[in-house]
Amino acid sequence: MSDLPIACSLTAPELQARRTEVLQKVRAAALEVKEMAGGFAYRFPSDDSLLADLSALVQLEHQCCPFLRISLIVEAGNGPIWLELTGPPGTKEFLNSVFE
């Protein structure tokens, strides 16, 4: 997997639409961002609607950014939801540029 380029396969207009429709909404809902060795972990409140948005985001990112390792963790009870996005060197910089 280390030979996959750190790049999104979306065109510039597609990426802008994704930012407007999905990424900004998800990023605004994040309660916390933790830096990890190869990326970031984002903490969200326990919310069914938000969980659906995060699941859609995982599916979309899996299609356009094959270098990403994506983990969606739903804690027990009403615990938080964690979205972990990690990958090879360069992933943090890529995520910073996408989520700005």
N, C-alpha and C. Protein backbone atom coordinates (compact mmCIF):
# COMPACT_ATOMS: atom_id res chain seq x y z
N MET A 1 0.81 -1.19 0.00
CA MET A 1 0.00 0.00 0.00
C MET A 1 0.86 1.26 0.00
N SER A 2 2.11 1.16 0.32
CA SER A 2 2.95 2.34 0.40
C SER A 2 3.23 2.95 -0.96
N ASP A 3 2.91 2.24 -2.05
CA ASP A 3 3.16 2.78 -3.37
C ASP A 3 1.98 3.58 -3.91
N LEU A 4 0.91 3.71 -3.12
CA LEU A 4 -0.24 4.50 -3.55
C LEU A 4 0.07 5.98 -3.36
N PRO A 5 -0.24 6.81 -4.35
CA PRO A 5 0.05 8.24 -4.21
C PRO A 5 -0.86 8.88 -3.17
N ILE A 6 -0.32 9.89 -2.49
CA ILE A 6 -1.09 10.66 -1.50
C ILE A 6 -1.83 11.74 -2.28
N ALA A 7 -2.95 11.36 -2.85
CA ALA A 7 -3.72 12.29 -3.68
C ALA A 7 -5.15 11.82 -3.77
N CYS A 8 -6.02 12.75 -3.95
CA CYS A 8 -7.45 12.47 -4.15
C CYS A 8 -7.68 12.32 -5.64
N SER A 9 -8.50 11.37 -6.03
CA SER A 9 -8.77 11.15 -7.44
C SER A 9 -9.88 12.06 -7.97
N LEU A 10 -10.45 12.90 -7.11
CA LEU A 10 -11.50 13.81 -7.56
C LEU A 10 -10.91 14.98 -8.34
N THR A 11 -11.69 15.50 -9.27
CA THR A 11 -11.29 16.72 -9.95
C THR A 11 -11.46 17.89 -8.97
N ALA A 12 -10.89 19.03 -9.30
CA ALA A 12 -11.00 20.21 -8.43
C ALA A 12 -12.46 20.58 -8.15
N PRO A 13 -13.34 20.62 -9.16
CA PRO A 13 -14.75 20.95 -8.88
C PRO A 13 -15.43 19.88 -8.01
N GLU A 14 -15.10 18.61 -8.24
CA GLU A 14 -15.68 17.54 -7.42
C GLU A 14 -15.22 17.65 -5.97
N LEU A 15 -13.94 17.96 -5.77
CA LEU A 15 -13.41 18.12 -4.42
C LEU A 15 -14.06 19.31 -3.73
N GLN A 16 -14.25 20.40 -4.44
CA GLN A 16 -14.90 21.57 -3.85
C GLN A 16 -16.33 21.24 -3.44
N ALA A 17 -17.04 20.49 -4.28
CA ALA A 17 -18.40 20.07 -3.94
C ALA A 17 -18.39 19.17 -2.70
N ARG A 18 -17.43 18.26 -2.63
CA ARG A 18 -17.32 17.37 -1.47
C ARG A 18 -17.05 18.18 -0.22
N ARG A 19 -16.17 19.17 -0.32
CA ARG A 19 -15.88 20.02 0.83
C ARG A 19 -17.14 20.73 1.31
N THR A 20 -17.91 21.26 0.38
CA THR A 20 -19.10 22.02 0.73
C THR A 20 -20.18 21.11 1.30
N GLU A 21 -20.39 19.96 0.69
CA GLU A 21 -21.50 19.10 1.06
C GLU A 21 -21.23 18.20 2.26
N VAL A 22 -20.03 17.70 2.39
CA VAL A 22 -19.78 16.68 3.40
C VAL A 22 -18.67 17.08 4.38
N LEU A 23 -17.51 17.41 3.86
CA LEU A 23 -16.34 17.61 4.72
C LEU A 23 -16.52 18.74 5.72
N GLN A 24 -17.06 19.88 5.31
CA GLN A 24 -17.24 21.00 6.23
C GLN A 24 -18.23 20.65 7.33
N LYS A 25 -19.29 19.95 6.97
CA LYS A 25 -20.31 19.55 7.96
C LYS A 25 -19.70 18.62 9.00
N VAL A 26 -18.96 17.64 8.53
CA VAL A 26 -18.33 16.67 9.44
C VAL A 26 -17.26 17.36 10.29
N ARG A 27 -16.43 18.17 9.68
CA ARG A 27 -15.36 18.84 10.42
C ARG A 27 -15.94 19.78 11.48
N ALA A 28 -17.03 20.47 11.16
CA ALA A 28 -17.66 21.38 12.12
C ALA A 28 -18.24 20.63 13.31
N ALA A 29 -18.62 19.38 13.11
CA ALA A 29 -19.22 18.59 14.19
C ALA A 29 -18.18 17.96 15.11
N ALA A 30 -16.91 17.96 14.69
CA ALA A 30 -15.85 17.33 15.50
C ALA A 30 -15.67 18.08 16.81
N LEU A 31 -15.64 17.32 17.90
CA LEU A 31 -15.44 17.90 19.23
C LEU A 31 -13.96 17.99 19.58
N GLU A 32 -13.17 17.13 18.95
CA GLU A 32 -11.75 17.04 19.27
C GLU A 32 -11.01 16.45 18.08
N VAL A 33 -9.78 16.87 17.90
CA VAL A 33 -8.90 16.30 16.88
C VAL A 33 -7.61 15.90 17.58
N LYS A 34 -7.24 14.64 17.43
CA LYS A 34 -5.99 14.14 18.01
C LYS A 34 -5.05 13.74 16.89
N GLU A 35 -3.82 14.20 17.00
CA GLU A 35 -2.81 13.82 16.03
C GLU A 35 -2.36 12.40 16.33
N MET A 36 -2.24 11.60 15.28
CA MET A 36 -1.78 10.22 15.40
C MET A 36 -0.49 10.09 14.58
N ALA A 37 0.16 8.96 14.68
CA ALA A 37 1.43 8.75 13.98
C ALA A 37 1.30 9.01 12.47
N GLY A 38 0.25 8.53 11.86
CA GLY A 38 0.12 8.68 10.41
C GLY A 38 -1.08 9.48 9.97
N GLY A 39 -1.68 10.25 10.89
CA GLY A 39 -2.87 11.01 10.51
C GLY A 39 -3.54 11.64 11.71
N PHE A 40 -4.85 11.55 11.73
CA PHE A 40 -5.62 12.20 12.79
C PHE A 40 -6.80 11.33 13.21
N ALA A 41 -7.24 11.54 14.46
CA ALA A 41 -8.47 10.94 14.97
C ALA A 41 -9.41 12.08 15.33
N TYR A 42 -10.64 11.99 14.88
CA TYR A 42 -11.64 13.02 15.11
C TYR A 42 -12.73 12.44 16.01
N ARG A 43 -13.04 13.16 17.11
CA ARG A 43 -14.07 12.69 18.05
C ARG A 43 -15.35 13.47 17.80
N PHE A 44 -16.46 12.72 17.77
CA PHE A 44 -17.77 13.28 17.52
C PHE A 44 -18.74 12.84 18.62
N PRO A 45 -19.81 13.60 18.82
CA PRO A 45 -20.81 13.18 19.80
C PRO A 45 -21.57 11.96 19.30
N SER A 46 -22.18 11.24 20.22
CA SER A 46 -23.02 10.11 19.87
C SER A 46 -24.32 10.65 19.29
N ASP A 47 -24.49 10.47 17.98
CA ASP A 47 -25.66 11.02 17.29
C ASP A 47 -25.91 10.18 16.05
N ASP A 48 -27.12 9.63 15.92
CA ASP A 48 -27.43 8.73 14.81
C ASP A 48 -27.33 9.41 13.45
N SER A 49 -27.77 10.65 13.36
CA SER A 49 -27.70 11.38 12.10
C SER A 49 -26.25 11.62 11.70
N LEU A 50 -25.44 12.00 12.66
CA LEU A 50 -24.03 12.21 12.41
C LEU A 50 -23.33 10.90 12.04
N LEU A 51 -23.71 9.82 12.68
CA LEU A 51 -23.14 8.52 12.35
C LEU A 51 -23.43 8.17 10.89
N ALA A 52 -24.62 8.49 10.41
CA ALA A 52 -24.96 8.25 9.00
C ALA A 52 -24.08 9.11 8.09
N ASP A 53 -23.86 10.38 8.47
CA ASP A 53 -22.99 11.26 7.68
C ASP A 53 -21.56 10.73 7.66
N LEU A 54 -21.08 10.26 8.80
CA LEU A 54 -19.72 9.72 8.88
C LEU A 54 -19.58 8.46 8.04
N SER A 55 -20.59 7.61 8.07
CA SER A 55 -20.57 6.39 7.26
C SER A 55 -20.53 6.73 5.78
N ALA A 56 -21.28 7.74 5.36
CA ALA A 56 -21.26 8.18 3.97
C ALA A 56 -19.88 8.73 3.61
N LEU A 57 -19.29 9.49 4.53
CA LEU A 57 -17.96 10.03 4.30
C LEU A 57 -16.94 8.91 4.13
N VAL A 58 -17.01 7.89 4.97
CA VAL A 58 -16.09 6.75 4.86
C VAL A 58 -16.21 6.11 3.49
N GLN A 59 -17.43 5.91 3.03
CA GLN A 59 -17.64 5.29 1.72
C GLN A 59 -17.06 6.17 0.61
N LEU A 60 -17.31 7.47 0.67
CA LEU A 60 -16.81 8.38 -0.35
C LEU A 60 -15.29 8.45 -0.36
N GLU A 61 -14.69 8.56 0.83
CA GLU A 61 -13.24 8.66 0.91
C GLU A 61 -12.55 7.36 0.48
N HIS A 62 -13.18 6.25 0.76
CA HIS A 62 -12.64 4.96 0.34
C HIS A 62 -12.53 4.89 -1.19
N GLN A 63 -13.50 5.51 -1.87
CA GLN A 63 -13.51 5.50 -3.33
C GLN A 63 -12.47 6.41 -3.93
N CYS A 64 -12.25 7.59 -3.35
CA CYS A 64 -11.40 8.58 -4.01
C CYS A 64 -9.99 8.67 -3.43
N CYS A 65 -9.77 8.15 -2.24
CA CYS A 65 -8.46 8.24 -1.60
C CYS A 65 -8.02 6.86 -1.13
N PRO A 66 -7.59 6.00 -2.04
CA PRO A 66 -7.28 4.62 -1.70
C PRO A 66 -6.11 4.44 -0.75
N PHE A 67 -5.30 5.47 -0.55
CA PHE A 67 -4.15 5.38 0.36
C PHE A 67 -4.57 5.49 1.83
N LEU A 68 -5.78 5.97 2.09
CA LEU A 68 -6.22 6.18 3.48
C LEU A 68 -6.60 4.88 4.16
N ARG A 69 -6.20 4.77 5.42
CA ARG A 69 -6.69 3.72 6.31
C ARG A 69 -7.76 4.40 7.15
N ILE A 70 -8.97 3.90 7.10
CA ILE A 70 -10.11 4.56 7.74
C ILE A 70 -10.70 3.63 8.79
N SER A 71 -10.86 4.17 10.01
CA SER A 71 -11.51 3.42 11.09
C SER A 71 -12.62 4.27 11.65
N LEU A 72 -13.81 3.71 11.75
CA LEU A 72 -14.94 4.37 12.37
C LEU A 72 -15.27 3.56 13.62
N ILE A 73 -15.11 4.20 14.78
CA ILE A 73 -15.28 3.51 16.06
C ILE A 73 -16.46 4.13 16.79
N VAL A 74 -17.43 3.30 17.13
CA VAL A 74 -18.59 3.75 17.89
C VAL A 74 -18.47 3.15 19.28
N GLU A 75 -18.23 4.02 20.26
CA GLU A 75 -18.05 3.57 21.64
C GLU A 75 -19.37 3.05 22.21
N ALA A 76 -19.29 2.20 23.21
CA ALA A 76 -20.47 1.61 23.85
C ALA A 76 -21.35 2.68 24.48
N GLY A 77 -22.63 2.32 24.61
CA GLY A 77 -23.59 3.23 25.23
C GLY A 77 -23.72 4.51 24.43
N ASN A 78 -23.69 5.61 25.11
CA ASN A 78 -23.74 6.92 24.44
C ASN A 78 -22.36 7.53 24.33
N GLY A 79 -21.35 6.69 24.25
CA GLY A 79 -19.99 7.18 24.13
C GLY A 79 -19.77 7.84 22.78
N PRO A 80 -18.64 8.47 22.61
CA PRO A 80 -18.36 9.20 21.37
C PRO A 80 -18.13 8.28 20.17
N ILE A 81 -18.14 8.91 19.02
CA ILE A 81 -17.79 8.26 17.76
C ILE A 81 -16.42 8.81 17.36
N TRP A 82 -15.53 7.92 16.96
CA TRP A 82 -14.20 8.32 16.51
C TRP A 82 -14.02 7.96 15.05
N LEU A 83 -13.51 8.89 14.28
CA LEU A 83 -13.13 8.65 12.90
C LEU A 83 -11.62 8.81 12.83
N GLU A 84 -10.92 7.72 12.50
CA GLU A 84 -9.47 7.75 12.39
C GLU A 84 -9.10 7.67 10.91
N LEU A 85 -8.31 8.64 10.47
CA LEU A 85 -7.82 8.68 9.09
C LEU A 85 -6.30 8.68 9.15
N THR A 86 -5.69 7.62 8.67
CA THR A 86 -4.24 7.50 8.71
C THR A 86 -3.75 6.96 7.37
N GLY A 87 -2.43 7.05 7.17
CA GLY A 87 -1.84 6.54 5.95
C GLY A 87 -0.34 6.73 5.96
N PRO A 88 0.26 6.60 4.80
CA PRO A 88 1.72 6.72 4.68
C PRO A 88 2.18 8.17 4.89
N PRO A 89 3.49 8.39 4.93
CA PRO A 89 4.00 9.76 5.07
C PRO A 89 3.37 10.70 4.05
N GLY A 90 2.99 11.89 4.51
CA GLY A 90 2.32 12.87 3.66
C GLY A 90 0.83 12.93 3.90
N THR A 91 0.29 11.94 4.62
CA THR A 91 -1.15 11.88 4.86
C THR A 91 -1.62 13.03 5.73
N LYS A 92 -0.87 13.38 6.76
CA LYS A 92 -1.28 14.49 7.64
C LYS A 92 -1.42 15.78 6.86
N GLU A 93 -0.45 16.07 6.03
CA GLU A 93 -0.49 17.29 5.24
C GLU A 93 -1.68 17.27 4.28
N PHE A 94 -1.92 16.12 3.69
CA PHE A 94 -3.07 15.98 2.79
C PHE A 94 -4.36 16.24 3.54
N LEU A 95 -4.52 15.62 4.72
CA LEU A 95 -5.75 15.80 5.50
C LEU A 95 -5.94 17.25 5.92
N ASN A 96 -4.86 17.91 6.31
CA ASN A 96 -4.94 19.32 6.67
C ASN A 96 -5.45 20.15 5.49
N SER A 97 -4.98 19.86 4.30
CA SER A 97 -5.40 20.64 3.13
C SER A 97 -6.85 20.35 2.76
N VAL A 98 -7.30 19.12 2.94
CA VAL A 98 -8.66 18.76 2.59
C VAL A 98 -9.68 19.29 3.59
N PHE A 99 -9.34 19.25 4.88
CA PHE A 99 -10.30 19.65 5.91
C PHE A 99 -10.27 21.14 6.22
N GLU A 100 -9.43 21.93 5.55
CA GLU A 100 -9.42 23.38 5.78
C GLU A 100 -10.60 24.02 5.12
